[in-house]
N, C-alpha and C. Protein backbone atom coordinates (compact mmCIF):
# COMPACT_ATOMS: atom_id res chain seq x y z
N UNK A 1 37.59 -27.05 -12.44
CA UNK A 1 37.12 -27.79 -13.59
C UNK A 1 37.03 -29.27 -13.20
N UNK A 2 36.03 -29.95 -13.68
CA UNK A 2 35.81 -31.35 -13.31
C UNK A 2 36.77 -32.27 -14.07
N UNK A 3 37.00 -33.42 -13.47
CA UNK A 3 37.85 -34.42 -14.12
C UNK A 3 37.16 -34.97 -15.34
N UNK A 4 37.92 -35.22 -16.37
CA UNK A 4 37.35 -35.81 -17.58
C UNK A 4 37.32 -37.31 -17.40
N UNK A 5 36.23 -37.90 -17.83
CA UNK A 5 36.06 -39.34 -17.70
C UNK A 5 36.51 -40.01 -18.98
N UNK A 6 37.06 -41.18 -18.84
CA UNK A 6 37.43 -41.96 -20.01
C UNK A 6 36.16 -42.39 -20.73
N UNK A 7 36.19 -42.35 -22.05
CA UNK A 7 35.01 -42.68 -22.84
C UNK A 7 35.08 -44.17 -23.16
N UNK A 8 34.01 -44.88 -22.89
CA UNK A 8 33.92 -46.30 -23.22
C UNK A 8 32.70 -46.47 -24.10
N UNK A 9 32.80 -47.32 -25.07
CA UNK A 9 31.63 -47.56 -25.92
C UNK A 9 31.47 -49.04 -26.17
N UNK A 10 30.24 -49.43 -26.43
CA UNK A 10 29.95 -50.83 -26.69
C UNK A 10 30.30 -51.21 -28.12
N UNK A 11 29.91 -50.37 -29.05
CA UNK A 11 30.22 -50.65 -30.46
C UNK A 11 30.77 -49.36 -31.07
N UNK A 12 31.85 -49.47 -31.78
CA UNK A 12 32.51 -48.29 -32.33
C UNK A 12 31.77 -47.79 -33.56
N UNK A 13 31.40 -46.50 -33.54
CA UNK A 13 30.80 -45.90 -34.73
C UNK A 13 31.87 -45.12 -35.49
N UNK A 14 33.03 -44.96 -34.87
CA UNK A 14 34.16 -44.30 -35.51
C UNK A 14 35.41 -45.10 -35.22
N UNK A 15 36.21 -45.32 -36.22
CA UNK A 15 37.48 -46.01 -36.04
C UNK A 15 38.56 -45.18 -36.74
N UNK A 16 39.56 -44.77 -35.97
CA UNK A 16 40.66 -44.00 -36.56
C UNK A 16 41.50 -44.93 -37.43
N UNK A 17 41.94 -44.40 -38.58
CA UNK A 17 42.75 -45.20 -39.50
C UNK A 17 44.21 -44.79 -39.49
N UNK A 18 44.54 -43.73 -38.72
CA UNK A 18 45.93 -43.28 -38.67
C UNK A 18 46.16 -42.52 -37.38
N UNK A 19 47.42 -42.21 -37.12
CA UNK A 19 47.76 -41.45 -35.93
C UNK A 19 47.15 -40.05 -35.99
N UNK A 20 47.11 -39.47 -37.21
CA UNK A 20 46.53 -38.14 -37.38
C UNK A 20 45.02 -38.16 -37.08
N UNK A 21 44.30 -39.18 -37.59
CA UNK A 21 42.87 -39.28 -37.32
C UNK A 21 42.61 -39.49 -35.82
N UNK A 22 43.44 -40.28 -35.17
CA UNK A 22 43.29 -40.51 -33.73
C UNK A 22 43.51 -39.20 -32.98
N UNK A 23 44.56 -38.45 -33.40
CA UNK A 23 44.86 -37.18 -32.74
C UNK A 23 43.71 -36.18 -32.94
N UNK A 24 43.17 -36.12 -34.16
CA UNK A 24 42.04 -35.23 -34.45
C UNK A 24 40.79 -35.66 -33.66
N UNK A 25 40.58 -36.94 -33.54
CA UNK A 25 39.43 -37.44 -32.78
C UNK A 25 39.55 -37.07 -31.31
N UNK A 26 40.75 -37.17 -30.77
CA UNK A 26 40.97 -36.79 -29.37
C UNK A 26 40.71 -35.30 -29.18
N UNK A 27 41.16 -34.49 -30.14
CA UNK A 27 40.90 -33.05 -30.06
C UNK A 27 39.39 -32.78 -30.10
N UNK A 28 38.67 -33.49 -30.96
CA UNK A 28 37.22 -33.32 -31.05
C UNK A 28 36.53 -33.75 -29.75
N UNK A 29 37.01 -34.81 -29.15
CA UNK A 29 36.46 -35.24 -27.85
C UNK A 29 36.62 -34.11 -26.83
N UNK A 30 37.79 -33.48 -26.82
CA UNK A 30 38.03 -32.36 -25.90
C UNK A 30 37.07 -31.22 -26.15
N UNK A 31 36.86 -30.87 -27.45
CA UNK A 31 35.91 -29.80 -27.78
C UNK A 31 34.50 -30.16 -27.32
N UNK A 32 34.08 -31.40 -27.58
CA UNK A 32 32.75 -31.83 -27.19
C UNK A 32 32.58 -31.84 -25.67
N UNK A 33 33.62 -32.25 -24.95
CA UNK A 33 33.54 -32.23 -23.49
C UNK A 33 33.42 -30.80 -22.97
N UNK A 34 34.16 -29.87 -23.57
CA UNK A 34 34.04 -28.47 -23.16
C UNK A 34 32.65 -27.93 -23.49
N UNK A 35 32.13 -28.28 -24.65
CA UNK A 35 30.77 -27.87 -25.00
C UNK A 35 29.75 -28.44 -24.02
N UNK A 36 29.95 -29.68 -23.64
CA UNK A 36 29.06 -30.32 -22.67
C UNK A 36 29.10 -29.55 -21.34
N UNK A 37 30.29 -29.15 -20.90
CA UNK A 37 30.41 -28.38 -19.67
C UNK A 37 29.71 -27.03 -19.80
N UNK A 38 29.81 -26.40 -20.96
CA UNK A 38 29.13 -25.14 -21.19
C UNK A 38 27.62 -25.34 -21.10
N UNK A 39 27.12 -26.42 -21.73
CA UNK A 39 25.69 -26.70 -21.68
C UNK A 39 25.23 -26.96 -20.24
N UNK A 40 26.04 -27.69 -19.49
CA UNK A 40 25.69 -27.94 -18.09
C UNK A 40 25.66 -26.64 -17.29
N UNK A 41 26.63 -25.75 -17.54
CA UNK A 41 26.66 -24.46 -16.85
C UNK A 41 25.44 -23.62 -17.23
N UNK A 42 25.09 -23.60 -18.51
CA UNK A 42 23.91 -22.85 -18.96
C UNK A 42 22.64 -23.42 -18.33
N UNK A 43 22.55 -24.74 -18.30
CA UNK A 43 21.38 -25.38 -17.69
C UNK A 43 21.29 -25.01 -16.21
N UNK A 44 22.42 -25.07 -15.50
CA UNK A 44 22.40 -24.74 -14.07
C UNK A 44 22.04 -23.27 -13.85
N UNK A 45 22.49 -22.39 -14.73
CA UNK A 45 22.13 -20.98 -14.63
C UNK A 45 20.62 -20.79 -14.81
N UNK A 46 20.05 -21.45 -15.81
CA UNK A 46 18.61 -21.37 -16.04
C UNK A 46 17.83 -21.95 -14.87
N UNK A 47 18.31 -23.08 -14.36
CA UNK A 47 17.65 -23.69 -13.20
C UNK A 47 17.70 -22.76 -11.99
N UNK A 48 18.83 -22.09 -11.81
CA UNK A 48 18.98 -21.16 -10.70
C UNK A 48 17.98 -20.01 -10.81
N UNK A 49 17.79 -19.48 -12.03
CA UNK A 49 16.83 -18.40 -12.25
C UNK A 49 15.42 -18.87 -11.96
N UNK A 50 15.08 -20.07 -12.47
CA UNK A 50 13.74 -20.62 -12.25
C UNK A 50 13.52 -20.89 -10.76
N UNK A 51 14.55 -21.45 -10.10
CA UNK A 51 14.43 -21.76 -8.67
C UNK A 51 14.22 -20.48 -7.87
N UNK A 52 15.00 -19.46 -8.16
CA UNK A 52 14.87 -18.18 -7.45
C UNK A 52 13.48 -17.59 -7.66
N UNK A 53 12.98 -17.63 -8.90
CA UNK A 53 11.65 -17.10 -9.20
C UNK A 53 10.59 -17.81 -8.36
N UNK A 54 10.65 -19.13 -8.34
CA UNK A 54 9.64 -19.90 -7.60
C UNK A 54 9.80 -19.77 -6.09
N UNK A 55 11.03 -19.62 -5.62
CA UNK A 55 11.23 -19.40 -4.19
C UNK A 55 10.62 -18.07 -3.78
N UNK A 56 10.78 -17.04 -4.63
CA UNK A 56 10.18 -15.73 -4.34
C UNK A 56 8.65 -15.83 -4.31
N UNK A 57 8.08 -16.56 -5.28
CA UNK A 57 6.64 -16.75 -5.30
C UNK A 57 6.18 -17.55 -4.07
N UNK A 58 6.99 -18.54 -3.69
CA UNK A 58 6.64 -19.35 -2.52
C UNK A 58 6.68 -18.51 -1.25
N UNK A 59 7.63 -17.56 -1.16
CA UNK A 59 7.68 -16.69 0.01
C UNK A 59 6.40 -15.87 0.12
N UNK A 60 5.92 -15.39 -1.01
CA UNK A 60 4.68 -14.62 -1.01
C UNK A 60 3.52 -15.50 -0.53
N UNK A 61 3.46 -16.73 -1.02
CA UNK A 61 2.41 -17.66 -0.59
C UNK A 61 2.52 -17.93 0.91
N UNK A 62 3.74 -18.14 1.37
CA UNK A 62 3.95 -18.43 2.79
C UNK A 62 3.52 -17.25 3.65
N UNK A 63 3.75 -16.02 3.17
CA UNK A 63 3.34 -14.84 3.93
C UNK A 63 1.81 -14.76 4.02
N UNK A 64 1.13 -15.07 2.94
CA UNK A 64 -0.34 -15.06 2.94
C UNK A 64 -0.85 -16.15 3.88
N UNK A 65 -0.26 -17.34 3.78
CA UNK A 65 -0.66 -18.46 4.64
C UNK A 65 -0.48 -18.06 6.11
N UNK A 66 0.66 -17.47 6.44
CA UNK A 66 0.92 -17.08 7.83
C UNK A 66 -0.10 -16.05 8.30
N UNK A 67 -0.39 -15.06 7.46
CA UNK A 67 -1.37 -14.03 7.83
C UNK A 67 -2.76 -14.65 8.03
N UNK A 68 -3.17 -15.53 7.12
CA UNK A 68 -4.48 -16.18 7.23
C UNK A 68 -4.53 -17.08 8.47
N UNK A 69 -3.45 -17.84 8.69
CA UNK A 69 -3.36 -18.72 9.87
C UNK A 69 -3.50 -17.90 11.15
N UNK A 70 -2.72 -16.80 11.23
CA UNK A 70 -2.77 -15.96 12.43
C UNK A 70 -4.17 -15.38 12.63
N UNK A 71 -4.81 -14.96 11.53
CA UNK A 71 -6.16 -14.40 11.63
C UNK A 71 -7.17 -15.43 12.09
N UNK A 72 -7.08 -16.65 11.56
CA UNK A 72 -7.98 -17.73 11.99
C UNK A 72 -7.72 -18.07 13.45
N UNK A 73 -6.45 -18.08 13.85
CA UNK A 73 -6.13 -18.41 15.24
C UNK A 73 -6.71 -17.38 16.20
N UNK A 74 -6.54 -16.09 15.87
CA UNK A 74 -7.08 -15.03 16.74
C UNK A 74 -8.60 -15.19 16.86
N UNK A 75 -9.28 -15.40 15.72
CA UNK A 75 -10.74 -15.58 15.73
C UNK A 75 -11.13 -16.81 16.55
N UNK A 76 -10.43 -17.94 16.30
CA UNK A 76 -10.77 -19.19 16.98
C UNK A 76 -10.54 -19.08 18.48
N UNK A 77 -9.43 -18.45 18.87
CA UNK A 77 -9.16 -18.30 20.31
C UNK A 77 -10.22 -17.40 20.95
N UNK A 78 -10.64 -16.34 20.25
CA UNK A 78 -11.66 -15.44 20.80
C UNK A 78 -13.01 -16.13 20.93
N UNK A 79 -13.25 -17.13 20.08
CA UNK A 79 -14.54 -17.83 20.08
C UNK A 79 -14.41 -19.28 20.54
N UNK A 80 -13.31 -19.60 21.19
CA UNK A 80 -13.01 -20.99 21.55
C UNK A 80 -14.11 -21.63 22.40
N UNK A 81 -14.59 -20.91 23.38
CA UNK A 81 -15.59 -21.49 24.28
C UNK A 81 -16.82 -21.93 23.50
N UNK A 82 -17.28 -21.08 22.60
CA UNK A 82 -18.46 -21.41 21.79
C UNK A 82 -18.15 -22.52 20.80
N UNK A 83 -17.01 -22.40 20.11
CA UNK A 83 -16.63 -23.38 19.08
C UNK A 83 -16.46 -24.78 19.65
N UNK A 84 -15.89 -24.86 20.86
CA UNK A 84 -15.57 -26.16 21.45
C UNK A 84 -16.62 -26.65 22.43
N UNK A 85 -17.79 -26.00 22.40
CA UNK A 85 -18.86 -26.39 23.31
C UNK A 85 -18.34 -26.41 24.75
N UNK A 86 -17.79 -25.26 25.15
CA UNK A 86 -17.22 -25.08 26.49
C UNK A 86 -16.08 -26.07 26.75
N UNK A 87 -15.18 -26.18 25.77
CA UNK A 87 -13.98 -27.03 25.82
C UNK A 87 -14.28 -28.53 25.94
N UNK A 88 -15.41 -28.96 25.42
CA UNK A 88 -15.74 -30.39 25.43
C UNK A 88 -15.14 -31.10 24.24
N UNK A 89 -14.84 -30.36 23.18
CA UNK A 89 -14.19 -30.95 22.00
C UNK A 89 -12.95 -30.13 21.66
N UNK A 90 -12.01 -30.74 20.97
CA UNK A 90 -10.78 -30.04 20.61
C UNK A 90 -10.65 -29.85 19.11
N UNK A 91 -11.59 -30.37 18.34
CA UNK A 91 -11.58 -30.22 16.89
C UNK A 91 -12.90 -29.61 16.45
N UNK A 92 -12.81 -28.58 15.62
CA UNK A 92 -14.00 -27.91 15.12
C UNK A 92 -13.95 -27.95 13.60
N UNK A 93 -14.96 -28.60 13.00
CA UNK A 93 -15.03 -28.70 11.54
C UNK A 93 -15.75 -27.49 10.98
N UNK A 94 -15.14 -26.87 9.99
CA UNK A 94 -15.73 -25.75 9.29
C UNK A 94 -16.01 -26.20 7.86
N UNK A 95 -16.56 -25.35 7.04
CA UNK A 95 -16.90 -25.73 5.68
C UNK A 95 -15.70 -26.15 4.83
N UNK A 96 -14.57 -25.51 5.03
CA UNK A 96 -13.41 -25.78 4.17
C UNK A 96 -12.27 -26.45 4.91
N UNK A 97 -12.46 -26.80 6.15
CA UNK A 97 -11.39 -27.45 6.90
C UNK A 97 -11.75 -27.52 8.36
N UNK A 98 -10.75 -27.59 9.19
CA UNK A 98 -11.01 -27.69 10.62
C UNK A 98 -9.91 -26.99 11.40
N UNK A 99 -10.23 -26.62 12.61
CA UNK A 99 -9.23 -26.09 13.54
C UNK A 99 -9.15 -27.07 14.70
N UNK A 100 -7.94 -27.20 15.24
CA UNK A 100 -7.72 -28.16 16.32
C UNK A 100 -6.87 -27.52 17.41
N UNK A 101 -7.15 -27.89 18.63
CA UNK A 101 -6.29 -27.54 19.74
C UNK A 101 -5.70 -28.86 20.24
N UNK A 102 -4.40 -28.96 20.25
CA UNK A 102 -3.73 -30.18 20.68
C UNK A 102 -2.70 -29.84 21.75
N UNK A 103 -2.66 -30.62 22.81
CA UNK A 103 -1.68 -30.44 23.87
C UNK A 103 -0.57 -31.46 23.65
N UNK A 104 0.66 -30.94 23.56
CA UNK A 104 1.77 -31.85 23.34
C UNK A 104 2.16 -32.56 24.63
N UNK A 105 2.92 -33.65 24.54
CA UNK A 105 3.33 -34.36 25.76
C UNK A 105 4.23 -33.47 26.62
N UNK A 106 4.20 -33.66 27.94
CA UNK A 106 5.08 -32.85 28.81
C UNK A 106 6.54 -33.18 28.56
N UNK A 107 7.40 -32.20 28.78
CA UNK A 107 8.84 -32.40 28.63
C UNK A 107 9.54 -31.72 29.80
N UNK A 108 10.75 -32.17 30.09
CA UNK A 108 11.53 -31.62 31.20
C UNK A 108 12.57 -30.67 30.63
N UNK A 109 12.65 -29.47 31.21
CA UNK A 109 13.64 -28.48 30.79
C UNK A 109 14.59 -28.24 31.95
N UNK A 110 15.90 -28.33 31.70
CA UNK A 110 16.89 -28.14 32.76
C UNK A 110 17.84 -27.02 32.36
N UNK A 111 17.95 -25.99 33.21
CA UNK A 111 18.83 -24.88 32.90
C UNK A 111 20.28 -25.20 33.25
N UNK A 112 20.52 -25.73 34.43
CA UNK A 112 21.89 -26.02 34.88
C UNK A 112 21.94 -27.47 35.36
N UNK A 113 22.32 -28.36 34.47
CA UNK A 113 22.28 -29.80 34.73
C UNK A 113 23.13 -30.17 35.94
N UNK A 114 24.32 -29.60 36.04
CA UNK A 114 25.20 -29.96 37.15
C UNK A 114 24.58 -29.61 38.50
N UNK A 115 24.01 -28.42 38.61
CA UNK A 115 23.37 -28.01 39.87
C UNK A 115 22.17 -28.88 40.19
N UNK A 116 21.39 -29.22 39.18
CA UNK A 116 20.20 -30.05 39.40
C UNK A 116 20.63 -31.45 39.85
N UNK A 117 21.69 -31.98 39.22
CA UNK A 117 22.20 -33.30 39.64
C UNK A 117 22.64 -33.27 41.10
N UNK A 118 23.34 -32.22 41.51
CA UNK A 118 23.77 -32.09 42.91
C UNK A 118 22.57 -32.06 43.84
N UNK A 119 21.54 -31.29 43.46
CA UNK A 119 20.35 -31.20 44.30
C UNK A 119 19.64 -32.55 44.40
N UNK A 120 19.55 -33.26 43.29
CA UNK A 120 18.88 -34.56 43.31
C UNK A 120 19.64 -35.53 44.21
N UNK A 121 20.98 -35.49 44.17
CA UNK A 121 21.78 -36.36 45.03
C UNK A 121 21.58 -35.99 46.50
N UNK A 122 21.53 -34.68 46.81
CA UNK A 122 21.32 -34.23 48.19
C UNK A 122 19.95 -34.65 48.70
N UNK A 123 18.97 -34.67 47.81
CA UNK A 123 17.61 -35.06 48.19
C UNK A 123 17.44 -36.59 48.21
N UNK A 124 18.54 -37.30 47.95
CA UNK A 124 18.53 -38.77 47.89
C UNK A 124 17.49 -39.25 46.88
N UNK A 125 17.46 -38.57 45.74
CA UNK A 125 16.49 -38.90 44.68
C UNK A 125 17.23 -39.53 43.50
N UNK A 126 17.92 -40.64 43.76
CA UNK A 126 18.73 -41.29 42.73
C UNK A 126 17.91 -41.82 41.55
N UNK A 127 16.65 -42.09 41.78
CA UNK A 127 15.85 -42.62 40.67
C UNK A 127 15.69 -41.60 39.55
N UNK A 128 15.96 -40.33 39.84
CA UNK A 128 15.86 -39.29 38.82
C UNK A 128 17.20 -39.02 38.15
N UNK A 129 18.21 -39.81 38.50
CA UNK A 129 19.55 -39.63 37.93
C UNK A 129 19.95 -40.91 37.22
N UNK A 130 20.34 -40.78 35.97
CA UNK A 130 20.85 -41.94 35.23
C UNK A 130 22.30 -42.18 35.62
N UNK A 131 22.72 -43.40 35.46
CA UNK A 131 24.07 -43.78 35.87
C UNK A 131 25.15 -43.02 35.11
N UNK A 132 24.86 -42.58 33.96
CA UNK A 132 25.88 -41.85 33.20
C UNK A 132 25.82 -40.36 33.51
N UNK A 133 25.30 -40.04 34.69
CA UNK A 133 25.27 -38.68 35.19
C UNK A 133 24.54 -37.71 34.26
N UNK A 134 23.32 -38.08 33.96
CA UNK A 134 22.44 -37.16 33.26
C UNK A 134 21.08 -37.22 33.94
N UNK A 135 20.33 -36.17 33.78
CA UNK A 135 19.02 -36.10 34.43
C UNK A 135 18.07 -37.06 33.72
N UNK A 136 17.37 -37.88 34.49
CA UNK A 136 16.40 -38.82 33.95
C UNK A 136 15.07 -38.09 33.79
N UNK A 137 14.91 -37.47 32.65
CA UNK A 137 13.71 -36.67 32.40
C UNK A 137 12.46 -37.53 32.37
N UNK A 138 12.59 -38.77 31.91
CA UNK A 138 11.43 -39.67 31.88
C UNK A 138 10.92 -39.92 33.30
N UNK A 139 11.84 -40.15 34.23
CA UNK A 139 11.44 -40.40 35.62
C UNK A 139 10.83 -39.14 36.23
N UNK A 140 11.37 -37.99 35.88
CA UNK A 140 10.84 -36.73 36.40
C UNK A 140 9.42 -36.52 35.88
N UNK A 141 9.23 -36.78 34.60
CA UNK A 141 7.89 -36.64 34.02
C UNK A 141 6.91 -37.60 34.70
N UNK A 142 7.37 -38.81 34.94
CA UNK A 142 6.51 -39.80 35.57
C UNK A 142 6.16 -39.40 37.01
N UNK A 143 7.12 -38.81 37.72
CA UNK A 143 6.90 -38.42 39.11
C UNK A 143 6.01 -37.17 39.20
N UNK A 144 6.12 -36.30 38.21
CA UNK A 144 5.29 -35.10 38.20
C UNK A 144 5.95 -33.89 38.84
N UNK A 145 5.32 -32.74 38.66
CA UNK A 145 5.87 -31.46 39.11
C UNK A 145 6.00 -31.38 40.63
N UNK A 146 5.07 -31.97 41.37
CA UNK A 146 5.12 -31.89 42.83
C UNK A 146 6.39 -32.52 43.40
N UNK A 147 6.85 -33.61 42.80
CA UNK A 147 8.05 -34.29 43.27
C UNK A 147 9.31 -33.45 43.03
N UNK A 148 9.22 -32.48 42.13
CA UNK A 148 10.39 -31.68 41.75
C UNK A 148 10.33 -30.25 42.27
N UNK A 149 9.36 -29.92 43.10
CA UNK A 149 9.15 -28.53 43.52
C UNK A 149 10.33 -27.94 44.28
N UNK A 150 11.16 -28.75 44.93
CA UNK A 150 12.30 -28.24 45.70
C UNK A 150 13.58 -28.16 44.88
N UNK A 151 13.56 -28.57 43.62
CA UNK A 151 14.75 -28.56 42.78
C UNK A 151 14.76 -27.27 41.98
N UNK A 152 15.71 -26.39 42.31
CA UNK A 152 15.80 -25.10 41.63
C UNK A 152 16.37 -25.29 40.23
N UNK A 153 15.82 -24.56 39.27
CA UNK A 153 16.31 -24.61 37.89
C UNK A 153 15.68 -25.71 37.06
N UNK A 154 14.73 -26.42 37.63
CA UNK A 154 14.07 -27.51 36.92
C UNK A 154 12.58 -27.20 36.85
N UNK A 155 12.03 -27.32 35.67
CA UNK A 155 10.59 -27.14 35.56
C UNK A 155 10.06 -28.11 34.51
N UNK A 156 8.84 -28.51 34.70
CA UNK A 156 8.16 -29.36 33.72
C UNK A 156 7.27 -28.43 32.93
N UNK A 157 7.48 -28.42 31.64
CA UNK A 157 6.69 -27.50 30.82
C UNK A 157 5.89 -28.28 29.78
N UNK A 158 4.82 -27.67 29.38
CA UNK A 158 3.91 -28.27 28.41
C UNK A 158 3.13 -27.13 27.78
N UNK A 159 2.91 -27.22 26.50
CA UNK A 159 2.12 -26.18 25.85
C UNK A 159 1.15 -26.80 24.86
N UNK A 160 0.17 -26.02 24.52
CA UNK A 160 -0.86 -26.45 23.60
C UNK A 160 -0.60 -25.83 22.24
N UNK A 161 -0.75 -26.60 21.18
CA UNK A 161 -0.56 -26.10 19.83
C UNK A 161 -1.90 -25.94 19.15
N UNK A 162 -1.99 -24.95 18.31
CA UNK A 162 -3.18 -24.69 17.52
C UNK A 162 -2.86 -25.11 16.09
N UNK A 163 -3.74 -25.88 15.44
CA UNK A 163 -3.49 -26.41 14.11
C UNK A 163 -4.67 -26.09 13.20
N UNK A 164 -4.37 -25.64 12.00
CA UNK A 164 -5.39 -25.43 10.97
C UNK A 164 -5.12 -26.45 9.87
N UNK A 165 -6.12 -27.27 9.49
CA UNK A 165 -5.96 -28.29 8.48
C UNK A 165 -7.02 -28.11 7.40
N UNK A 166 -6.62 -27.59 6.23
CA UNK A 166 -7.59 -27.47 5.13
C UNK A 166 -7.97 -28.86 4.61
N UNK A 167 -9.21 -29.03 4.20
CA UNK A 167 -9.61 -30.27 3.56
C UNK A 167 -8.99 -30.30 2.17
N UNK A 168 -8.63 -31.48 1.73
CA UNK A 168 -8.06 -31.63 0.39
C UNK A 168 -8.88 -32.62 -0.38
N UNK A 169 -8.93 -32.40 -1.66
CA UNK A 169 -9.62 -33.33 -2.55
C UNK A 169 -8.80 -33.47 -3.80
N UNK A 170 -9.01 -34.54 -4.52
CA UNK A 170 -8.27 -34.73 -5.77
C UNK A 170 -9.26 -34.88 -6.91
N UNK A 171 -8.82 -34.51 -8.08
CA UNK A 171 -9.66 -34.62 -9.25
C UNK A 171 -9.67 -36.06 -9.76
N UNK A 172 -10.82 -36.52 -10.18
CA UNK A 172 -10.90 -37.84 -10.75
C UNK A 172 -10.69 -37.75 -12.24
N UNK A 173 -9.99 -38.70 -12.79
CA UNK A 173 -9.72 -38.69 -14.24
C UNK A 173 -11.04 -38.90 -15.00
N UNK A 174 -11.22 -38.14 -16.03
CA UNK A 174 -12.42 -38.28 -16.85
C UNK A 174 -12.20 -39.43 -17.83
N UNK A 175 -13.10 -40.39 -17.80
CA UNK A 175 -12.97 -41.56 -18.68
C UNK A 175 -13.86 -41.35 -19.91
N UNK A 176 -13.32 -41.75 -21.05
CA UNK A 176 -14.12 -41.59 -22.29
C UNK A 176 -14.61 -42.92 -22.79
């Protein structure tokens, strides 16, 4: 149960005239606070029901979106050469939106950092090692895959992402 807060008011709309009235007023405050807690609990229960209902509806929407996205991706990949004019463009505008192929920046993946650090030290490749004994992935990326070909457990990876972006529009307010 939550702590009860002291009630403060700017202007008194009720003034007790005796110890009995004060005692009765305190009892009424307790009843009202309990009623308030009941109302808060009822509100939270209703909100929980509404939230669950909309989350379920959202899951259905997300499933349709995923299915449509996957279907558009399969079609676009199958027709990529034609759509992109033999890979000369990466964005294709359609009537209701566009599809895009984007390549993310390269990143360095290390399976066993300690072994890779040992190998870099043996290769006298200190520029790829930070002073706090961690792999300098930025330097590895800058040097490229050829500079790292003899380091076991290290690879430079990069992948391309496919993006579907529907066009959006907003309604203009009708002026009278």
